[in-house]
């Protein structure tokens, strides 16, 4: 079986480890915002700044994408996240 690397292409292009791959939420190429839940500390800054109410917090205080179809890719959430837990971009597999 051939193994492919997963690359997050956004403001901060990076290779994703298997552990982080499991924590990716909503890696849907039609909707450009997704979270790396393992990195989220639950500060809620992204939820507060999102102008389209795309994000919310779950029962543990972690960010989740609740309305990806509303995302306009403005990148505000990604800019304010101190943990780099949000990515506005695409996922590519090499």
Protein backbone atom coordinates (compact mmCIF):
# COMPACT_ATOMS: atom_id res chain seq x y z
CA UNK A 1 0.00 0.00 0.00
CA UNK A 2 1.43 3.33 -1.06
CA UNK A 3 1.61 5.98 1.67
CA UNK A 4 0.84 9.62 0.93
CA UNK A 5 1.67 12.64 3.01
CA UNK A 6 -1.09 15.01 4.02
CA UNK A 7 -0.31 18.69 3.58
CA UNK A 8 -2.43 21.52 4.92
CA UNK A 9 -2.22 24.35 2.43
CA UNK A 10 -3.30 27.63 3.96
CA UNK A 11 -1.65 30.52 5.71
CA UNK A 12 0.62 28.05 7.51
CA UNK A 13 1.40 25.14 5.17
CA UNK A 14 2.45 22.14 7.22
CA UNK A 15 2.78 18.40 7.13
CA UNK A 16 0.24 16.59 9.28
CA UNK A 17 1.18 13.63 11.43
CA UNK A 18 -1.11 10.63 11.83
CA UNK A 19 -2.13 11.87 15.28
CA UNK A 20 -3.19 15.24 13.90
CA UNK A 21 -4.86 13.66 10.89
CA UNK A 22 -7.29 11.98 13.29
CA UNK A 23 -8.14 15.30 14.93
CA UNK A 24 -8.92 17.16 11.73
CA UNK A 25 -12.56 18.15 11.69
CA UNK A 26 -14.42 18.79 8.45
CA UNK A 27 -11.66 18.24 5.87
CA UNK A 28 -14.17 18.90 3.10
CA UNK A 29 -12.61 20.66 0.08
CA UNK A 30 -15.92 22.37 -0.68
CA UNK A 31 -15.75 24.19 2.65
CA UNK A 32 -12.42 25.85 3.34
CA UNK A 33 -12.35 26.03 7.15
CA UNK A 34 -11.46 23.17 9.44
CA UNK A 35 -9.97 22.69 12.88
CA UNK A 36 -7.06 20.80 14.36
CA UNK A 37 -8.88 19.92 17.55
CA UNK A 38 -5.77 18.55 19.26
CA UNK A 39 -4.31 22.07 19.23
CA UNK A 40 -7.45 23.95 20.35
CA UNK A 41 -7.34 25.16 23.95
CA UNK A 42 -10.91 26.49 23.86
CA UNK A 43 -10.33 30.24 24.20
CA UNK A 44 -13.30 31.03 21.92
CA UNK A 45 -11.66 33.98 20.14
CA UNK A 46 -12.41 32.48 16.73
CA UNK A 47 -16.07 31.94 17.61
CA UNK A 48 -16.41 35.55 18.74
CA UNK A 49 -14.74 37.08 15.69
CA UNK A 50 -16.40 35.00 12.94
CA UNK A 51 -18.75 37.37 11.09
CA UNK A 52 -20.87 34.51 9.68
CA UNK A 53 -21.30 32.30 12.80
CA UNK A 54 -19.49 29.40 11.14
CA UNK A 55 -17.89 28.27 14.40
CA UNK A 56 -19.13 27.23 17.83
CA UNK A 57 -17.76 25.37 20.83
CA UNK A 58 -18.63 21.83 21.78
CA UNK A 59 -19.38 20.49 25.26
CA UNK A 60 -15.67 20.46 26.12
CA UNK A 61 -15.11 24.03 24.97
CA UNK A 62 -13.27 23.02 21.78
CA UNK A 63 -14.03 24.83 18.55
CA UNK A 64 -16.12 23.07 15.93
CA UNK A 65 -17.33 24.01 12.47
CA UNK A 66 -21.14 24.16 12.62
CA UNK A 67 -22.02 25.95 9.38
CA UNK A 68 -19.19 25.49 6.86
CA UNK A 69 -21.40 26.57 3.96
CA UNK A 70 -21.50 30.10 5.44
CA UNK A 71 -17.70 30.48 5.40
CA UNK A 72 -16.43 33.21 3.07
CA UNK A 73 -12.73 32.37 3.67
CA UNK A 74 -12.09 35.76 5.26
CA UNK A 75 -9.43 34.19 7.49
CA UNK A 76 -10.32 36.20 10.61
CA UNK A 77 -10.63 33.05 12.73
CA UNK A 78 -7.24 31.79 11.60
CA UNK A 79 -5.61 35.14 12.33
CA UNK A 80 -6.85 35.38 15.93
CA UNK A 81 -6.25 31.77 16.94
CA UNK A 82 -3.26 31.71 19.31
CA UNK A 83 -2.98 27.92 18.95
CA UNK A 84 -2.98 27.71 15.12
CA UNK A 85 -5.91 25.31 15.51
CA UNK A 86 -7.92 26.70 12.60
CA UNK A 87 -6.98 26.53 8.97
CA UNK A 88 -8.70 28.33 6.14
CA UNK A 89 -7.40 26.56 3.07
CA UNK A 90 -7.36 23.13 1.51
CA UNK A 91 -5.98 19.71 2.33
CA UNK A 92 -3.79 18.12 -0.30
CA UNK A 93 -2.44 14.59 -0.36
CA UNK A 94 0.88 14.03 -2.05
